[in-house]
Amino acid sequence: MAEILQIRLLRAAGMLILDLFGAVLVPAILEGSIWRAFPVHTPMAIVVKIWCLDFVVASFMGFMMYRVWRSGTSKWAWVLPTLWFTFGAMLYAGHAHARSVLLQPDSFWSHFLGGRCASRALDCGEFFSSTIPFTRSLWYSLAAVVASRVLNLLPAHPDPDDATKNESDQ
């Protein structure tokens, strides 16, 4: 019994790693090929393109990964990147210079949503290291939840061999 539990835990951990890879890295790879087709040259255009593509590509990946693997870990791929984002946000908010950090227009939201990155390329670090993985994994997991609902509503495809067996039995 303990061996079965260990195997299940190992499988779940492996699927979670695969889901994180599919949620965070594969969209970056796919977006890279799209970037070549539509080159941009300003930091603001890069931020806009990222926000537009992340939704589409990460959602597609989440839906397809759930469709292929039917793993429940796809629905939970958002947890680790969310913790990472929260950790980075708490560190940023904890700085002494960040008084009333949530209310300043050029502060917290601008820092994490790419506004500062669009105006100054040196301020892109946390946008790329925490916000982008967070949003990709969130869209990925939401699409996996949608896939689980949609695929459970669809009728199962009948096996053509079963139809011929039933006709021959009669």
Foldseek 3Di string as FASTA:
>chain_A
DVVVVVVVVVVLVVVLVVLLCLQAVVLVVVVVVVCVVPPDDAQVVVLVSLVVSLLVRLLVSLLVVCVVPVDPSQLVNLVVLVVVLVVVLVVQCPDPVQPVQVPDPCHSCCLQSVVVCRVPVVSCVNNSPRNSSNSSSNSSNVSNVVNVVVVVPDDDDDDPVVVVVVVVVD
